[in-house]
mmCIF file of all heavy atoms, coordinates in Angstrom:
data_MODEL
# 
_entry.id   MODEL 
# 
loop_
_atom_site.group_PDB 
_atom_site.id 
_atom_site.type_symbol 
_atom_site.label_atom_id 
_atom_site.label_alt_id 
_atom_site.label_comp_id 
_atom_site.label_asym_id 
_atom_site.label_entity_id 
_atom_site.label_seq_id 
_atom_site.pdbx_PDB_ins_code 
_atom_site.Cartn_x 
_atom_site.Cartn_y 
_atom_site.Cartn_z 
_atom_site.occupancy 
_atom_site.B_iso_or_equiv 
_atom_site.pdbx_formal_charge 
_atom_site.auth_seq_id 
_atom_site.auth_comp_id 
_atom_site.auth_asym_id 
_atom_site.auth_atom_id 
_atom_site.pdbx_PDB_model_num 
ATOM 1   N N   . ILE A 1 1  ? 192.361 4.084   -6.897  1.00 0.00 ? 1  ILE A N   1 
ATOM 2   C CA  . ILE A 1 1  ? 193.204 5.152   -7.459  1.00 0.00 ? 1  ILE A CA  1 
ATOM 3   C C   . ILE A 1 1  ? 193.512 6.131   -6.349  1.00 0.00 ? 1  ILE A C   1 
ATOM 4   O O   . ILE A 1 1  ? 192.675 6.765   -5.844  1.00 0.00 ? 1  ILE A O   1 
ATOM 5   C CB  . ILE A 1 1  ? 192.494 5.841   -8.627  1.00 0.00 ? 1  ILE A CB  1 
ATOM 6   C CG1 . ILE A 1 1  ? 192.225 4.790   -9.732  1.00 0.00 ? 1  ILE A CG1 1 
ATOM 7   C CG2 . ILE A 1 1  ? 193.343 6.984   -9.159  1.00 0.00 ? 1  ILE A CG2 1 
ATOM 8   C CD1 . ILE A 1 1  ? 191.426 5.348   -10.898 1.00 0.00 ? 1  ILE A CD1 1 
ATOM 9   N N   . MET A 1 2  ? 194.793 6.258   -6.055  1.00 0.00 ? 2  MET A N   1 
ATOM 10  C CA  . MET A 1 2  ? 195.212 7.241   -5.019  1.00 0.00 ? 2  MET A CA  1 
ATOM 11  C C   . MET A 1 2  ? 195.514 8.565   -5.777  1.00 0.00 ? 2  MET A C   1 
ATOM 12  O O   . MET A 1 2  ? 196.098 8.611   -6.818  1.00 0.00 ? 2  MET A O   1 
ATOM 13  C CB  . MET A 1 2  ? 196.453 6.800   -4.298  1.00 0.00 ? 2  MET A CB  1 
ATOM 14  C CG  . MET A 1 2  ? 196.307 5.359   -3.633  1.00 0.00 ? 2  MET A CG  1 
ATOM 15  S SD  . MET A 1 2  ? 195.122 5.413   -2.173  1.00 0.00 ? 2  MET A SD  1 
ATOM 16  C CE  . MET A 1 2  ? 193.646 4.825   -2.941  1.00 0.00 ? 2  MET A CE  1 
ATOM 17  N N   . ALA A 1 3  ? 195.092 9.625   -5.164  1.00 0.00 ? 3  ALA A N   1 
ATOM 18  C CA  . ALA A 1 3  ? 195.349 10.930  -5.690  1.00 0.00 ? 3  ALA A CA  1 
ATOM 19  C C   . ALA A 1 3  ? 196.888 11.232  -5.799  1.00 0.00 ? 3  ALA A C   1 
ATOM 20  O O   . ALA A 1 3  ? 197.305 11.911  -6.732  1.00 0.00 ? 3  ALA A O   1 
ATOM 21  C CB  . ALA A 1 3  ? 194.695 12.030  -4.839  1.00 0.00 ? 3  ALA A CB  1 
ATOM 22  N N   . LYS A 1 4  ? 197.610 10.660  -4.894  1.00 0.00 ? 4  LYS A N   1 
ATOM 23  C CA  . LYS A 1 4  ? 199.138 10.911  -4.844  1.00 0.00 ? 4  LYS A CA  1 
ATOM 24  C C   . LYS A 1 4  ? 199.779 9.869   -5.740  1.00 0.00 ? 4  LYS A C   1 
ATOM 25  O O   . LYS A 1 4  ? 199.546 8.645   -5.517  1.00 0.00 ? 4  LYS A O   1 
ATOM 26  C CB  . LYS A 1 4  ? 199.583 10.785  -3.429  1.00 0.00 ? 4  LYS A CB  1 
ATOM 27  C CG  . LYS A 1 4  ? 201.059 11.048  -3.252  1.00 0.00 ? 4  LYS A CG  1 
ATOM 28  C CD  . LYS A 1 4  ? 201.356 11.026  -1.740  1.00 0.00 ? 4  LYS A CD  1 
ATOM 29  C CE  . LYS A 1 4  ? 202.876 11.240  -1.545  1.00 0.00 ? 4  LYS A CE  1 
ATOM 30  N NZ  . LYS A 1 4  ? 203.182 11.174  -0.094  1.00 0.00 ? 4  LYS A NZ  1 
ATOM 31  N N   . THR A 1 5  ? 200.593 10.295  -6.718  1.00 0.00 ? 5  THR A N   1 
ATOM 32  C CA  . THR A 1 5  ? 201.200 9.302   -7.584  1.00 0.00 ? 5  THR A CA  1 
ATOM 33  C C   . THR A 1 5  ? 202.677 9.177   -7.333  1.00 0.00 ? 5  THR A C   1 
ATOM 34  O O   . THR A 1 5  ? 203.355 8.346   -7.887  1.00 0.00 ? 5  THR A O   1 
ATOM 35  C CB  . THR A 1 5  ? 200.980 9.723   -9.082  1.00 0.00 ? 5  THR A CB  1 
ATOM 36  O OG1 . THR A 1 5  ? 201.425 11.007  -9.266  1.00 0.00 ? 5  THR A OG1 1 
ATOM 37  C CG2 . THR A 1 5  ? 199.463 9.623   -9.407  1.00 0.00 ? 5  THR A CG2 1 
ATOM 38  N N   . THR A 1 6  ? 203.213 10.044  -6.487  1.00 0.00 ? 6  THR A N   1 
ATOM 39  C CA  . THR A 1 6  ? 204.615 9.850   -6.031  1.00 0.00 ? 6  THR A CA  1 
ATOM 40  C C   . THR A 1 6  ? 204.555 9.526   -4.568  1.00 0.00 ? 6  THR A C   1 
ATOM 41  O O   . THR A 1 6  ? 203.840 10.180  -3.791  1.00 0.00 ? 6  THR A O   1 
ATOM 42  C CB  . THR A 1 6  ? 205.440 11.174  -6.250  1.00 0.00 ? 6  THR A CB  1 
ATOM 43  O OG1 . THR A 1 6  ? 204.784 12.276  -5.545  1.00 0.00 ? 6  THR A OG1 1 
ATOM 44  C CG2 . THR A 1 6  ? 205.555 11.499  -7.747  1.00 0.00 ? 6  THR A CG2 1 
ATOM 45  N N   . TYR A 1 7  ? 205.316 8.525   -4.177  1.00 0.00 ? 7  TYR A N   1 
ATOM 46  C CA  . TYR A 1 7  ? 205.244 8.002   -2.830  1.00 0.00 ? 7  TYR A CA  1 
ATOM 47  C C   . TYR A 1 7  ? 206.527 8.254   -2.072  1.00 0.00 ? 7  TYR A C   1 
ATOM 48  O O   . TYR A 1 7  ? 207.611 8.320   -2.652  1.00 0.00 ? 7  TYR A O   1 
ATOM 49  C CB  . TYR A 1 7  ? 204.875 6.504   -2.884  1.00 0.00 ? 7  TYR A CB  1 
ATOM 50  C CG  . TYR A 1 7  ? 203.667 6.242   -3.687  1.00 0.00 ? 7  TYR A CG  1 
ATOM 51  C CD1 . TYR A 1 7  ? 203.749 5.569   -4.915  1.00 0.00 ? 7  TYR A CD1 1 
ATOM 52  C CD2 . TYR A 1 7  ? 202.384 6.663   -3.257  1.00 0.00 ? 7  TYR A CD2 1 
ATOM 53  C CE1 . TYR A 1 7  ? 202.604 5.268   -5.663  1.00 0.00 ? 7  TYR A CE1 1 
ATOM 54  C CE2 . TYR A 1 7  ? 201.283 6.381   -4.018  1.00 0.00 ? 7  TYR A CE2 1 
ATOM 55  C CZ  . TYR A 1 7  ? 201.396 5.728   -5.233  1.00 0.00 ? 7  TYR A CZ  1 
ATOM 56  O OH  . TYR A 1 7  ? 200.256 5.487   -5.963  1.00 0.00 ? 7  TYR A OH  1 
ATOM 57  N N   . ARG A 1 8  ? 206.397 8.199   -0.796  1.00 0.00 ? 8  ARG A N   1 
ATOM 58  C CA  . ARG A 1 8  ? 207.581 8.362   0.089   1.00 0.00 ? 8  ARG A CA  1 
ATOM 59  C C   . ARG A 1 8  ? 208.527 7.178   -0.096  1.00 0.00 ? 8  ARG A C   1 
ATOM 60  O O   . ARG A 1 8  ? 208.136 6.032   -0.003  1.00 0.00 ? 8  ARG A O   1 
ATOM 61  C CB  . ARG A 1 8  ? 207.098 8.453   1.555   1.00 0.00 ? 8  ARG A CB  1 
ATOM 62  C CG  . ARG A 1 8  ? 208.275 8.688   2.536   1.00 0.00 ? 8  ARG A CG  1 
ATOM 63  C CD  . ARG A 1 8  ? 207.737 9.045   3.888   1.00 0.00 ? 8  ARG A CD  1 
ATOM 64  N NE  . ARG A 1 8  ? 208.730 9.403   4.828   1.00 0.00 ? 8  ARG A NE  1 
ATOM 65  C CZ  . ARG A 1 8  ? 208.509 9.978   6.033   1.00 0.00 ? 8  ARG A CZ  1 
ATOM 66  N NH1 . ARG A 1 8  ? 207.271 10.261  6.370   1.00 0.00 ? 8  ARG A NH1 1 
ATOM 67  N NH2 . ARG A 1 8  ? 209.462 10.249  6.861   1.00 0.00 ? 8  ARG A NH2 1 
ATOM 68  N N   . LYS A 1 9  ? 209.780 7.515   -0.336  1.00 0.00 ? 9  LYS A N   1 
ATOM 69  C CA  . LYS A 1 9  ? 210.773 6.511   -0.498  1.00 0.00 ? 9  LYS A CA  1 
ATOM 70  C C   . LYS A 1 9  ? 211.690 6.474   0.729   1.00 0.00 ? 9  LYS A C   1 
ATOM 71  O O   . LYS A 1 9  ? 211.905 7.470   1.390   1.00 0.00 ? 9  LYS A O   1 
ATOM 72  C CB  . LYS A 1 9  ? 211.629 6.726   -1.779  1.00 0.00 ? 9  LYS A CB  1 
ATOM 73  C CG  . LYS A 1 9  ? 210.870 6.661   -3.057  1.00 0.00 ? 9  LYS A CG  1 
ATOM 74  C CD  . LYS A 1 9  ? 211.726 7.106   -4.267  1.00 0.00 ? 9  LYS A CD  1 
ATOM 75  C CE  . LYS A 1 9  ? 211.081 6.813   -5.562  1.00 0.00 ? 9  LYS A CE  1 
ATOM 76  N NZ  . LYS A 1 9  ? 209.806 7.506   -5.736  1.00 0.00 ? 9  LYS A NZ  1 
ATOM 77  N N   . GLY A 1 10 ? 212.328 5.269   0.935   1.00 0.00 ? 10 GLY A N   1 
ATOM 78  C CA  . GLY A 1 10 ? 213.241 5.178   2.046   1.00 0.00 ? 10 GLY A CA  1 
ATOM 79  C C   . GLY A 1 10 ? 214.068 3.954   1.958   1.00 0.00 ? 10 GLY A C   1 
ATOM 80  O O   . GLY A 1 10 ? 213.921 3.118   1.134   1.00 0.00 ? 10 GLY A O   1 
ATOM 81  N N   . THR A 1 11 ? 215.003 3.847   2.922   1.00 0.00 ? 11 THR A N   1 
ATOM 82  C CA  . THR A 1 11 ? 215.937 2.680   3.050   1.00 0.00 ? 11 THR A CA  1 
ATOM 83  C C   . THR A 1 11 ? 216.116 2.372   4.508   1.00 0.00 ? 11 THR A C   1 
ATOM 84  O O   . THR A 1 11 ? 216.294 3.258   5.299   1.00 0.00 ? 11 THR A O   1 
ATOM 85  C CB  . THR A 1 11 ? 217.314 3.010   2.410   1.00 0.00 ? 11 THR A CB  1 
ATOM 86  O OG1 . THR A 1 11 ? 217.153 3.500   1.113   1.00 0.00 ? 11 THR A OG1 1 
ATOM 87  C CG2 . THR A 1 11 ? 218.166 1.694   2.355   1.00 0.00 ? 11 THR A CG2 1 
ATOM 88  N N   . THR A 1 12 ? 215.892 1.099   4.841   1.00 0.00 ? 12 THR A N   1 
ATOM 89  C CA  . THR A 1 12 ? 216.062 0.687   6.220   1.00 0.00 ? 12 THR A CA  1 
ATOM 90  C C   . THR A 1 12 ? 217.553 0.735   6.614   1.00 0.00 ? 12 THR A C   1 
ATOM 91  O O   . THR A 1 12 ? 218.444 0.741   5.740   1.00 0.00 ? 12 THR A O   1 
ATOM 92  C CB  . THR A 1 12 ? 215.538 -0.777  6.462   1.00 0.00 ? 12 THR A CB  1 
ATOM 93  O OG1 . THR A 1 12 ? 216.484 -1.671  5.737   1.00 0.00 ? 12 THR A OG1 1 
ATOM 94  C CG2 . THR A 1 12 ? 214.186 -0.896  5.915   1.00 0.00 ? 12 THR A CG2 1 
ATOM 95  N N   . ALA A 1 13 ? 217.778 0.741   7.960   1.00 0.00 ? 13 ALA A N   1 
ATOM 96  C CA  . ALA A 1 13 ? 219.069 0.449   8.406   1.00 0.00 ? 13 ALA A CA  1 
ATOM 97  C C   . ALA A 1 13 ? 219.319 -1.102  8.336   1.00 0.00 ? 13 ALA A C   1 
ATOM 98  O O   . ALA A 1 13 ? 218.475 -1.789  7.777   1.00 0.00 ? 13 ALA A O   1 
ATOM 99  C CB  . ALA A 1 13 ? 219.230 0.931   9.857   1.00 0.00 ? 13 ALA A CB  1 
ATOM 100 N N   . GLY A 1 14 ? 220.408 -1.585  8.829   1.00 0.00 ? 14 GLY A N   1 
ATOM 101 C CA  . GLY A 1 14 ? 220.717 -2.999  8.746   1.00 0.00 ? 14 GLY A CA  1 
ATOM 102 C C   . GLY A 1 14 ? 219.763 -3.852  9.605   1.00 0.00 ? 14 GLY A C   1 
ATOM 103 O O   . GLY A 1 14 ? 219.234 -3.370  10.595  1.00 0.00 ? 14 GLY A O   1 
ATOM 104 N N   . GLY A 1 15 ? 219.555 -5.053  9.100   1.00 0.00 ? 15 GLY A N   1 
ATOM 105 C CA  . GLY A 1 15 ? 218.649 -5.976  9.839   1.00 0.00 ? 15 GLY A CA  1 
ATOM 106 C C   . GLY A 1 15 ? 218.737 -7.365  9.221   1.00 0.00 ? 15 GLY A C   1 
ATOM 107 O O   . GLY A 1 15 ? 219.601 -7.634  8.374   1.00 0.00 ? 15 GLY A O   1 
ATOM 108 N N   . THR A 1 16 ? 217.797 -8.235  9.608   1.00 0.00 ? 16 THR A N   1 
ATOM 109 C CA  . THR A 1 16 ? 217.790 -9.578  9.157   1.00 0.00 ? 16 THR A CA  1 
ATOM 110 C C   . THR A 1 16 ? 216.561 -9.904  8.321   1.00 0.00 ? 16 THR A C   1 
ATOM 111 O O   . THR A 1 16 ? 215.466 -9.427  8.542   1.00 0.00 ? 16 THR A O   1 
ATOM 112 C CB  . THR A 1 16 ? 217.688 -10.516 10.374  1.00 0.00 ? 16 THR A CB  1 
ATOM 113 O OG1 . THR A 1 16 ? 218.872 -10.221 11.274  1.00 0.00 ? 16 THR A OG1 1 
ATOM 114 C CG2 . THR A 1 16 ? 217.843 -11.977 10.048  1.00 0.00 ? 16 THR A CG2 1 
ATOM 115 N N   . PHE A 1 17 ? 216.794 -10.673 7.213   1.00 0.00 ? 17 PHE A N   1 
ATOM 116 C CA  . PHE A 1 17 ? 215.771 -11.075 6.327   1.00 0.00 ? 17 PHE A CA  1 
ATOM 117 C C   . PHE A 1 17 ? 215.188 -12.410 6.809   1.00 0.00 ? 17 PHE A C   1 
ATOM 118 O O   . PHE A 1 17 ? 215.922 -13.322 7.112   1.00 0.00 ? 17 PHE A O   1 
ATOM 119 C CB  . PHE A 1 17 ? 216.268 -11.291 4.914   1.00 0.00 ? 17 PHE A CB  1 
ATOM 120 C CG  . PHE A 1 17 ? 216.818 -10.110 4.230   1.00 0.00 ? 17 PHE A CG  1 
ATOM 121 C CD1 . PHE A 1 17 ? 217.498 -10.177 3.058   1.00 0.00 ? 17 PHE A CD1 1 
ATOM 122 C CD2 . PHE A 1 17 ? 216.805 -8.833  4.845   1.00 0.00 ? 17 PHE A CD2 1 
ATOM 123 C CE1 . PHE A 1 17 ? 218.044 -9.091  2.415   1.00 0.00 ? 17 PHE A CE1 1 
ATOM 124 C CE2 . PHE A 1 17 ? 217.334 -7.736  4.219   1.00 0.00 ? 17 PHE A CE2 1 
ATOM 125 C CZ  . PHE A 1 17 ? 217.933 -7.833  2.992   1.00 0.00 ? 17 PHE A CZ  1 
ATOM 126 N N   . ASN A 1 18 ? 213.838 -12.507 6.830   1.00 0.00 ? 18 ASN A N   1 
ATOM 127 C CA  . ASN A 1 18 ? 213.198 -13.733 7.190   1.00 0.00 ? 18 ASN A CA  1 
ATOM 128 C C   . ASN A 1 18 ? 212.289 -14.138 6.064   1.00 0.00 ? 18 ASN A C   1 
ATOM 129 O O   . ASN A 1 18 ? 211.605 -13.346 5.488   1.00 0.00 ? 18 ASN A O   1 
ATOM 130 C CB  . ASN A 1 18 ? 212.340 -13.589 8.433   1.00 0.00 ? 18 ASN A CB  1 
ATOM 131 C CG  . ASN A 1 18 ? 211.988 -14.883 9.051   1.00 0.00 ? 18 ASN A CG  1 
ATOM 132 O OD1 . ASN A 1 18 ? 212.770 -15.785 9.169   1.00 0.00 ? 18 ASN A OD1 1 
ATOM 133 N ND2 . ASN A 1 18 ? 210.736 -15.013 9.566   1.00 0.00 ? 18 ASN A ND2 1 
ATOM 134 N N   . PHE A 1 19 ? 212.339 -15.407 5.653   1.00 0.00 ? 19 PHE A N   1 
ATOM 135 C CA  . PHE A 1 19 ? 211.546 -15.920 4.541   1.00 0.00 ? 19 PHE A CA  1 
ATOM 136 C C   . PHE A 1 19 ? 211.650 -15.037 3.269   1.00 0.00 ? 19 PHE A C   1 
ATOM 137 O O   . PHE A 1 19 ? 210.657 -14.552 2.757   1.00 0.00 ? 19 PHE A O   1 
ATOM 138 C CB  . PHE A 1 19 ? 210.063 -16.061 4.908   1.00 0.00 ? 19 PHE A CB  1 
ATOM 139 C CG  . PHE A 1 19 ? 209.778 -16.990 6.075   1.00 0.00 ? 19 PHE A CG  1 
ATOM 140 C CD1 . PHE A 1 19 ? 209.154 -16.485 7.235   1.00 0.00 ? 19 PHE A CD1 1 
ATOM 141 C CD2 . PHE A 1 19 ? 210.175 -18.306 6.058   1.00 0.00 ? 19 PHE A CD2 1 
ATOM 142 C CE1 . PHE A 1 19 ? 208.931 -17.328 8.290   1.00 0.00 ? 19 PHE A CE1 1 
ATOM 143 C CE2 . PHE A 1 19 ? 209.980 -19.142 7.128   1.00 0.00 ? 19 PHE A CE2 1 
ATOM 144 C CZ  . PHE A 1 19 ? 209.334 -18.632 8.236   1.00 0.00 ? 19 PHE A CZ  1 
ATOM 145 N N   . PRO A 1 20 ? 212.900 -14.804 2.893   1.00 0.00 ? 20 PRO A N   1 
ATOM 146 C CA  . PRO A 1 20 ? 213.060 -13.942 1.654   1.00 0.00 ? 20 PRO A CA  1 
ATOM 147 C C   . PRO A 1 20 ? 212.695 -14.662 0.388   1.00 0.00 ? 20 PRO A C   1 
ATOM 148 O O   . PRO A 1 20 ? 213.196 -15.792 0.146   1.00 0.00 ? 20 PRO A O   1 
ATOM 149 C CB  . PRO A 1 20 ? 214.558 -13.602 1.707   1.00 0.00 ? 20 PRO A CB  1 
ATOM 150 C CG  . PRO A 1 20 ? 215.177 -14.781 2.422   1.00 0.00 ? 20 PRO A CG  1 
ATOM 151 C CD  . PRO A 1 20 ? 214.217 -15.313 3.421   1.00 0.00 ? 20 PRO A CD  1 
ATOM 152 N N   . HIS A 1 21 ? 211.859 -14.067 -0.418  1.00 0.00 ? 21 HIS A N   1 
ATOM 153 C CA  . HIS A 1 21 ? 211.540 -14.556 -1.773  1.00 0.00 ? 21 HIS A CA  1 
ATOM 154 C C   . HIS A 1 21 ? 211.889 -13.478 -2.748  1.00 0.00 ? 21 HIS A C   1 
ATOM 155 O O   . HIS A 1 21 ? 211.085 -12.710 -3.147  1.00 0.00 ? 21 HIS A O   1 
ATOM 156 C CB  . HIS A 1 21 ? 210.012 -14.888 -1.829  1.00 0.00 ? 21 HIS A CB  1 
ATOM 157 C CG  . HIS A 1 21 ? 209.569 -15.900 -0.904  1.00 0.00 ? 21 HIS A CG  1 
ATOM 158 N ND1 . HIS A 1 21 ? 209.579 -17.279 -1.084  1.00 0.00 ? 21 HIS A ND1 1 
ATOM 159 C CD2 . HIS A 1 21 ? 209.104 -15.756 0.400   1.00 0.00 ? 21 HIS A CD2 1 
ATOM 160 C CE1 . HIS A 1 21 ? 209.167 -17.928 -0.071  1.00 0.00 ? 21 HIS A CE1 1 
ATOM 161 N NE2 . HIS A 1 21 ? 208.794 -17.059 0.886   1.00 0.00 ? 21 HIS A NE2 1 
ATOM 162 N N   . LEU A 1 22 ? 213.178 -13.400 -3.025  1.00 0.00 ? 22 LEU A N   1 
ATOM 163 C CA  . LEU A 1 22 ? 213.728 -12.305 -3.824  1.00 0.00 ? 22 LEU A CA  1 
ATOM 164 C C   . LEU A 1 22 ? 214.184 -12.736 -5.162  1.00 0.00 ? 22 LEU A C   1 
ATOM 165 O O   . LEU A 1 22 ? 214.380 -11.863 -6.069  1.00 0.00 ? 22 LEU A O   1 
ATOM 166 C CB  . LEU A 1 22 ? 214.921 -11.691 -3.026  1.00 0.00 ? 22 LEU A CB  1 
ATOM 167 C CG  . LEU A 1 22 ? 214.564 -11.091 -1.644  1.00 0.00 ? 22 LEU A CG  1 
ATOM 168 C CD1 . LEU A 1 22 ? 215.826 -10.776 -0.862  1.00 0.00 ? 22 LEU A CD1 1 
ATOM 169 C CD2 . LEU A 1 22 ? 213.672 -9.906  -1.787  1.00 0.00 ? 22 LEU A CD2 1 
ATOM 170 N N   . LEU A 1 23 ? 214.435 -13.967 -5.396  1.00 0.00 ? 23 LEU A N   1 
ATOM 171 C CA  . LEU A 1 23 ? 214.785 -14.518 -6.710  1.00 0.00 ? 23 LEU A CA  1 
ATOM 172 C C   . LEU A 1 23 ? 213.588 -15.181 -7.372  1.00 0.00 ? 23 LEU A C   1 
ATOM 173 O O   . LEU A 1 23 ? 213.533 -15.166 -8.603  1.00 0.00 ? 23 LEU A O   1 
ATOM 174 C CB  . LEU A 1 23 ? 215.942 -15.609 -6.573  1.00 0.00 ? 23 LEU A CB  1 
ATOM 175 C CG  . LEU A 1 23 ? 217.244 -15.064 -5.898  1.00 0.00 ? 23 LEU A CG  1 
ATOM 176 C CD1 . LEU A 1 23 ? 218.183 -16.205 -5.676  1.00 0.00 ? 23 LEU A CD1 1 
ATOM 177 C CD2 . LEU A 1 23 ? 217.819 -13.963 -6.695  1.00 0.00 ? 23 LEU A CD2 1 
ATOM 178 N N   . GLU A 1 24 ? 212.683 -15.712 -6.633  1.00 0.00 ? 24 GLU A N   1 
ATOM 179 C CA  . GLU A 1 24 ? 211.475 -16.295 -7.167  1.00 0.00 ? 24 GLU A CA  1 
ATOM 180 C C   . GLU A 1 24 ? 210.284 -15.738 -6.343  1.00 0.00 ? 24 GLU A C   1 
ATOM 181 O O   . GLU A 1 24 ? 210.463 -15.362 -5.164  1.00 0.00 ? 24 GLU A O   1 
ATOM 182 C CB  . GLU A 1 24 ? 211.514 -17.811 -7.092  1.00 0.00 ? 24 GLU A CB  1 
ATOM 183 C CG  . GLU A 1 24 ? 212.619 -18.447 -7.840  1.00 0.00 ? 24 GLU A CG  1 
ATOM 184 C CD  . GLU A 1 24 ? 212.506 -18.275 -9.385  1.00 0.00 ? 24 GLU A CD  1 
ATOM 185 O OE1 . GLU A 1 24 ? 211.352 -18.038 -9.841  1.00 0.00 ? 24 GLU A OE1 1 
ATOM 186 O OE2 . GLU A 1 24 ? 213.545 -18.399 -10.069 1.00 0.00 ? 24 GLU A OE2 1 
# 
C-alpha cells in the first residue's frame, strides 16, 4: 500500500513499439 494514491501522469514523444501486446 503506497501512501500516495494519485500518481504522476505523462505521455511520451514519438517512438517505436517493440513486442506490443495491446489487443491481447
